[in-house]
N, C-alpha and C. Protein backbone atom coordinates (compact mmCIF):
# COMPACT_ATOMS: atom_id res chain seq x y z
N UNK A 1 -75.97 -22.25 -11.72
CA UNK A 1 -75.22 -22.88 -10.67
C UNK A 1 -73.89 -22.45 -10.86
N UNK A 2 -72.91 -22.08 -9.81
CA UNK A 2 -71.77 -21.21 -9.89
C UNK A 2 -70.69 -22.42 -9.40
N UNK A 3 -69.69 -22.28 -9.88
CA UNK A 3 -68.46 -23.18 -9.55
C UNK A 3 -67.71 -22.68 -8.24
N UNK A 4 -67.57 -23.57 -7.25
CA UNK A 4 -67.13 -23.24 -6.01
C UNK A 4 -65.52 -23.11 -6.25
N UNK A 5 -64.94 -22.53 -5.49
CA UNK A 5 -63.45 -22.19 -5.54
C UNK A 5 -62.58 -23.54 -5.62
N UNK A 6 -63.05 -24.52 -5.02
CA UNK A 6 -62.39 -25.79 -5.04
C UNK A 6 -62.55 -26.40 -6.63
N UNK A 7 -63.58 -26.23 -7.21
CA UNK A 7 -63.94 -26.78 -8.55
C UNK A 7 -62.88 -25.95 -9.49
N UNK A 8 -62.80 -24.64 -9.43
CA UNK A 8 -62.01 -23.75 -10.06
C UNK A 8 -60.46 -23.97 -10.00
N UNK A 9 -60.04 -24.41 -8.75
CA UNK A 9 -58.70 -24.59 -8.42
C UNK A 9 -58.47 -26.15 -8.92
N UNK A 10 -59.32 -27.07 -9.13
CA UNK A 10 -59.23 -28.49 -9.63
C UNK A 10 -59.04 -28.16 -11.12
N UNK A 11 -59.83 -27.56 -11.71
CA UNK A 11 -59.74 -27.25 -13.12
C UNK A 11 -58.43 -26.57 -13.48
N UNK A 12 -58.03 -25.70 -12.75
CA UNK A 12 -56.85 -24.93 -13.10
C UNK A 12 -55.62 -25.90 -12.93
N UNK A 13 -55.67 -26.84 -11.91
CA UNK A 13 -54.63 -27.85 -11.72
C UNK A 13 -54.66 -28.61 -12.74
N UNK A 14 -55.89 -29.09 -13.28
CA UNK A 14 -56.16 -30.03 -14.52
C UNK A 14 -55.38 -29.60 -15.44
N UNK A 15 -55.72 -28.22 -15.82
CA UNK A 15 -55.11 -27.63 -17.04
C UNK A 15 -53.69 -27.51 -17.01
N UNK A 16 -53.02 -27.33 -15.97
CA UNK A 16 -51.60 -27.18 -16.05
C UNK A 16 -50.95 -28.69 -16.22
N UNK A 17 -51.85 -29.89 -15.89
CA UNK A 17 -51.22 -31.22 -16.31
C UNK A 17 -51.25 -31.56 -17.71
N UNK A 18 -52.26 -30.76 -18.56
CA UNK A 18 -52.43 -31.04 -19.84
C UNK A 18 -51.46 -30.62 -20.61
N UNK A 19 -50.75 -31.12 -21.67
CA UNK A 19 -49.88 -30.44 -22.44
C UNK A 19 -50.13 -29.21 -23.04
N UNK A 20 -49.18 -28.44 -23.48
CA UNK A 20 -49.38 -27.18 -24.10
C UNK A 20 -49.41 -27.32 -25.67
N UNK A 21 -50.27 -26.74 -26.31
CA UNK A 21 -50.32 -26.90 -27.67
C UNK A 21 -50.24 -25.50 -28.29
N UNK A 22 -49.16 -25.44 -29.52
CA UNK A 22 -49.09 -24.33 -30.21
C UNK A 22 -50.17 -24.11 -31.31
N UNK A 23 -50.79 -22.89 -31.37
CA UNK A 23 -51.89 -22.74 -32.53
C UNK A 23 -51.40 -21.98 -33.79
N UNK A 24 -51.71 -22.49 -34.94
CA UNK A 24 -51.37 -21.68 -36.20
C UNK A 24 -52.71 -21.61 -37.03
N UNK A 25 -52.99 -20.45 -37.36
CA UNK A 25 -54.13 -20.13 -38.10
C UNK A 25 -54.04 -19.68 -39.52
N UNK A 26 -54.51 -20.25 -40.71
CA UNK A 26 -54.28 -19.75 -41.79
C UNK A 26 -55.60 -18.54 -42.17
N UNK A 27 -55.08 -17.31 -42.40
CA UNK A 27 -56.27 -16.56 -42.55
C UNK A 27 -56.94 -16.74 -44.14
N UNK A 28 -57.93 -15.87 -44.20
CA UNK A 28 -58.74 -16.31 -45.39
C UNK A 28 -57.84 -15.71 -46.63
N UNK A 29 -57.25 -14.65 -46.59
CA UNK A 29 -56.44 -13.97 -47.54
C UNK A 29 -55.06 -14.45 -47.56
N UNK A 30 -54.51 -15.18 -46.70
CA UNK A 30 -53.19 -15.78 -46.45
C UNK A 30 -52.95 -17.17 -47.19
N UNK A 31 -51.54 -17.17 -47.64
CA UNK A 31 -51.29 -18.45 -48.12
C UNK A 31 -50.50 -19.25 -47.18
N UNK A 32 -50.01 -18.77 -45.84
CA UNK A 32 -49.42 -19.46 -44.99
C UNK A 32 -50.01 -19.34 -43.42
N UNK A 33 -49.76 -20.35 -42.72
CA UNK A 33 -50.32 -20.21 -41.39
C UNK A 33 -49.61 -19.25 -40.44
N UNK A 34 -50.26 -18.57 -39.48
CA UNK A 34 -49.40 -17.70 -38.59
C UNK A 34 -49.70 -18.30 -37.11
N UNK A 35 -48.64 -18.03 -36.35
CA UNK A 35 -48.79 -18.59 -34.90
C UNK A 35 -49.49 -17.45 -34.38
N UNK A 36 -50.67 -17.82 -33.73
CA UNK A 36 -51.54 -16.86 -32.90
C UNK A 36 -51.82 -17.25 -31.33
N UNK A 37 -51.16 -18.17 -30.92
CA UNK A 37 -51.20 -18.31 -29.57
C UNK A 37 -50.96 -20.08 -29.01
N UNK A 38 -51.13 -20.12 -27.83
CA UNK A 38 -51.05 -21.58 -27.23
C UNK A 38 -51.92 -21.84 -26.21
N UNK A 39 -52.25 -22.83 -26.07
CA UNK A 39 -53.32 -23.41 -25.01
C UNK A 39 -53.07 -24.83 -24.39
N UNK A 40 -53.61 -25.27 -23.57
CA UNK A 40 -53.60 -26.59 -22.74
C UNK A 40 -54.82 -27.38 -23.13
N UNK A 41 -54.47 -28.53 -23.61
CA UNK A 41 -55.47 -29.41 -23.90
C UNK A 41 -55.19 -31.00 -23.55
N UNK A 42 -56.05 -31.65 -23.42
CA UNK A 42 -55.86 -33.15 -23.01
C UNK A 42 -55.32 -33.93 -24.30
N UNK A 43 -55.90 -33.55 -25.42
CA UNK A 43 -55.49 -34.29 -26.77
C UNK A 43 -55.43 -33.44 -27.87
N UNK A 44 -55.13 -34.18 -29.07
CA UNK A 44 -55.13 -33.21 -30.39
C UNK A 44 -56.65 -32.81 -30.84
N UNK A 45 -57.44 -33.59 -30.56
CA UNK A 45 -59.04 -33.37 -30.91
C UNK A 45 -59.30 -32.24 -29.94
N UNK A 46 -59.19 -32.21 -28.70
CA UNK A 46 -59.71 -31.33 -27.86
C UNK A 46 -58.78 -29.92 -28.16
N UNK A 47 -57.45 -29.98 -28.56
CA UNK A 47 -56.70 -28.79 -28.78
C UNK A 47 -57.04 -28.02 -30.00
N UNK A 48 -57.62 -28.82 -31.07
CA UNK A 48 -58.34 -28.34 -32.27
C UNK A 48 -59.65 -27.56 -32.24
N UNK A 49 -60.46 -28.38 -31.19
CA UNK A 49 -61.81 -27.63 -30.95
C UNK A 49 -61.43 -26.33 -30.13
N UNK A 50 -60.72 -26.41 -28.97
CA UNK A 50 -60.36 -25.31 -28.23
C UNK A 50 -59.74 -24.02 -29.42
N UNK A 51 -58.75 -24.37 -30.03
CA UNK A 51 -58.21 -23.56 -30.96
C UNK A 51 -59.25 -22.85 -31.83
N UNK A 52 -60.02 -23.56 -32.28
CA UNK A 52 -60.89 -23.07 -33.46
C UNK A 52 -61.89 -22.09 -32.54
N UNK A 53 -62.22 -22.58 -31.39
CA UNK A 53 -63.14 -21.62 -30.42
C UNK A 53 -62.68 -20.24 -30.15
N UNK A 54 -61.25 -20.43 -29.68
CA UNK A 54 -60.55 -19.25 -29.19
C UNK A 54 -60.00 -18.37 -30.24
N UNK A 55 -59.47 -18.90 -31.16
CA UNK A 55 -58.79 -18.09 -32.10
C UNK A 55 -59.41 -17.81 -33.57
N UNK A 56 -60.71 -18.42 -33.64
CA UNK A 56 -61.21 -18.14 -34.84
C UNK A 56 -62.68 -17.95 -34.70
N UNK A 57 -63.06 -17.12 -33.79
CA UNK A 57 -64.39 -16.84 -33.38
C UNK A 57 -65.26 -16.12 -34.41
N UNK A 58 -64.37 -15.15 -35.01
CA UNK A 58 -64.92 -14.20 -36.03
C UNK A 58 -64.86 -14.73 -37.55
N UNK A 59 -64.54 -15.98 -37.64
CA UNK A 59 -64.46 -16.66 -38.81
C UNK A 59 -63.40 -16.03 -39.63
N UNK A 60 -62.26 -15.86 -39.11
CA UNK A 60 -61.15 -14.93 -39.68
C UNK A 60 -60.16 -16.22 -40.28
N UNK A 61 -60.23 -17.17 -40.02
CA UNK A 61 -59.35 -18.57 -40.59
C UNK A 61 -60.10 -19.50 -41.39
N UNK A 62 -59.18 -20.02 -42.18
CA UNK A 62 -59.72 -20.98 -43.14
C UNK A 62 -59.19 -22.51 -42.76
N UNK A 63 -58.08 -22.44 -41.91
CA UNK A 63 -57.54 -23.65 -41.45
C UNK A 63 -56.63 -23.50 -40.28
N UNK A 64 -56.68 -24.33 -39.46
CA UNK A 64 -56.24 -24.42 -38.15
C UNK A 64 -55.10 -25.59 -37.96
N UNK A 65 -53.87 -25.25 -37.24
CA UNK A 65 -53.00 -26.44 -37.04
C UNK A 65 -52.87 -26.26 -35.50
N UNK A 66 -52.78 -27.51 -34.90
CA UNK A 66 -52.35 -27.40 -33.67
C UNK A 66 -51.09 -28.46 -33.42
N UNK A 67 -50.15 -28.02 -32.62
CA UNK A 67 -48.94 -28.74 -32.55
C UNK A 67 -48.48 -28.71 -31.11
N UNK A 68 -48.20 -30.05 -30.43
CA UNK A 68 -47.86 -30.13 -29.27
C UNK A 68 -46.42 -29.41 -29.04
N UNK A 69 -46.33 -28.33 -28.22
CA UNK A 69 -44.95 -27.53 -27.97
C UNK A 69 -43.95 -28.70 -27.75
N UNK A 70 -43.98 -29.51 -27.11
CA UNK A 70 -42.78 -30.19 -26.89
C UNK A 70 -42.29 -31.07 -28.15
N UNK A 71 -43.23 -31.07 -29.16
CA UNK A 71 -42.72 -31.82 -30.19
C UNK A 71 -41.88 -30.69 -31.54
N UNK A 72 -42.07 -29.48 -30.99
CA UNK A 72 -41.34 -28.45 -31.83
C UNK A 72 -39.92 -28.55 -31.72
N UNK A 73 -39.30 -28.68 -32.85
CA UNK A 73 -37.68 -28.64 -32.84
C UNK A 73 -37.29 -27.31 -33.19
N UNK A 74 -36.56 -26.51 -32.57
CA UNK A 74 -36.11 -25.26 -32.73
C UNK A 74 -34.70 -24.84 -32.74
N UNK A 75 -34.16 -23.85 -33.37
CA UNK A 75 -32.70 -23.55 -33.23
C UNK A 75 -32.78 -22.62 -32.23
N UNK A 76 -31.33 -22.83 -31.43
CA UNK A 76 -31.00 -22.06 -30.31
C UNK A 76 -30.62 -20.74 -30.70
N UNK A 77 -31.07 -19.53 -30.16
CA UNK A 77 -30.65 -18.17 -30.52
C UNK A 77 -29.10 -18.13 -30.57
N UNK A 78 -28.50 -18.87 -29.56
CA UNK A 78 -27.09 -18.78 -29.51
C UNK A 78 -26.33 -19.14 -30.79
N UNK A 79 -27.17 -20.05 -31.54
CA UNK A 79 -26.15 -20.68 -32.49
C UNK A 79 -26.58 -19.76 -33.99
N UNK A 80 -27.12 -18.43 -33.62
CA UNK A 80 -27.41 -17.65 -34.92
C UNK A 80 -26.30 -17.40 -36.00
N UNK A 81 -25.24 -17.24 -35.43
CA UNK A 81 -24.01 -17.20 -36.27
C UNK A 81 -23.46 -18.39 -37.16
N UNK A 82 -23.76 -19.49 -36.54
CA UNK A 82 -23.49 -20.99 -37.09
C UNK A 82 -24.36 -21.02 -38.03
N UNK A 83 -25.75 -20.71 -37.84
CA UNK A 83 -26.71 -21.22 -38.93
C UNK A 83 -26.90 -20.04 -39.81
N UNK A 84 -27.03 -18.84 -39.71
CA UNK A 84 -27.37 -17.89 -40.64
C UNK A 84 -26.15 -16.99 -41.33
N UNK A 85 -25.09 -16.66 -40.63
CA UNK A 85 -24.01 -16.06 -40.96
C UNK A 85 -23.22 -16.68 -42.15
N UNK A 86 -23.15 -18.05 -42.28
CA UNK A 86 -22.40 -18.34 -43.37
C UNK A 86 -23.25 -18.11 -44.56
N UNK A 87 -24.32 -17.69 -44.79
CA UNK A 87 -24.97 -17.55 -46.00
C UNK A 87 -24.54 -16.29 -46.75
N UNK A 88 -23.80 -15.43 -46.00
CA UNK A 88 -23.10 -14.17 -46.70
C UNK A 88 -22.19 -14.45 -47.68
N UNK A 89 -21.28 -15.53 -47.53
CA UNK A 89 -20.39 -15.90 -48.53
C UNK A 89 -20.72 -16.85 -49.55
N UNK A 90 -21.85 -16.98 -49.62
CA UNK A 90 -22.50 -17.85 -50.78
C UNK A 90 -23.05 -16.89 -51.68
N UNK A 91 -22.46 -15.98 -52.37
CA UNK A 91 -22.95 -14.98 -53.36
C UNK A 91 -23.61 -15.58 -54.55
N UNK A 92 -23.37 -17.10 -54.77
CA UNK A 92 -23.98 -17.57 -55.90
C UNK A 92 -25.50 -17.91 -55.72
N UNK A 93 -25.64 -17.71 -54.38
CA UNK A 93 -27.31 -17.92 -53.91
C UNK A 93 -28.23 -16.62 -54.12
N UNK A 94 -27.64 -15.37 -54.58
CA UNK A 94 -28.27 -14.46 -54.92
C UNK A 94 -28.78 -14.25 -56.38
N UNK A 95 -29.68 -13.78 -56.80
CA UNK A 95 -30.18 -14.00 -58.07
C UNK A 95 -29.43 -12.86 -58.99
N UNK A 96 -28.42 -12.26 -58.53
CA UNK A 96 -27.89 -10.94 -59.44
C UNK A 96 -26.90 -11.68 -60.32
N UNK A 97 -26.64 -12.81 -60.42
CA UNK A 97 -25.75 -13.60 -61.38
C UNK A 97 -26.41 -14.03 -62.58
N UNK A 98 -27.76 -13.95 -62.58
CA UNK A 98 -28.54 -14.72 -63.64
C UNK A 98 -29.34 -13.52 -64.25
N UNK A 99 -29.27 -13.58 -65.59
CA UNK A 99 -30.03 -12.76 -66.70
C UNK A 99 -31.28 -13.33 -66.92
N UNK A 100 -32.27 -12.64 -66.78
CA UNK A 100 -33.70 -13.12 -67.11
C UNK A 100 -33.75 -12.96 -68.56
N UNK A 101 -34.40 -13.88 -69.09
CA UNK A 101 -34.93 -13.75 -70.61
C UNK A 101 -36.11 -12.74 -70.37
N UNK A 102 -36.29 -11.68 -71.65
CA UNK A 102 -37.21 -10.92 -71.67
C UNK A 102 -38.61 -11.33 -71.55
N UNK A 103 -38.96 -12.44 -72.00
CA UNK A 103 -40.47 -12.96 -71.88
C UNK A 103 -40.68 -13.38 -70.44
N UNK A 104 -39.73 -13.46 -69.52
CA UNK A 104 -40.22 -13.59 -67.99
C UNK A 104 -40.84 -12.26 -67.46
N UNK A 105 -40.60 -11.46 -67.94
CA UNK A 105 -41.20 -10.05 -67.46
C UNK A 105 -40.62 -9.74 -66.00
N UNK A 106 -41.36 -9.29 -65.26
CA UNK A 106 -41.12 -9.05 -63.80
C UNK A 106 -41.10 -10.13 -62.94
N UNK A 107 -39.94 -10.09 -62.14
CA UNK A 107 -40.10 -11.29 -61.15
C UNK A 107 -39.95 -10.68 -59.72
């Protein structure tokens, strides 16, 4: 049975009403989650299921996070100077001022 054009249009309209979710996957060999895409889903359970099916089809991940896009707080690129440039004048944050004991080895 094939879907009619009306059914497809209704499904697309409904998908646009669902919230947008961001998907992060932790690869098998990785230590941190990587953003791999976005999807629309009705709730967190559905978002997690869709993320697993879409982004880990080849079993490349060991953990999946889904986060509603409207819940992410991000800096504004226009604030780059205020947020990141002041770090340059804090030289004490660089490890060049500290001597490591010989037993530490490579760091």
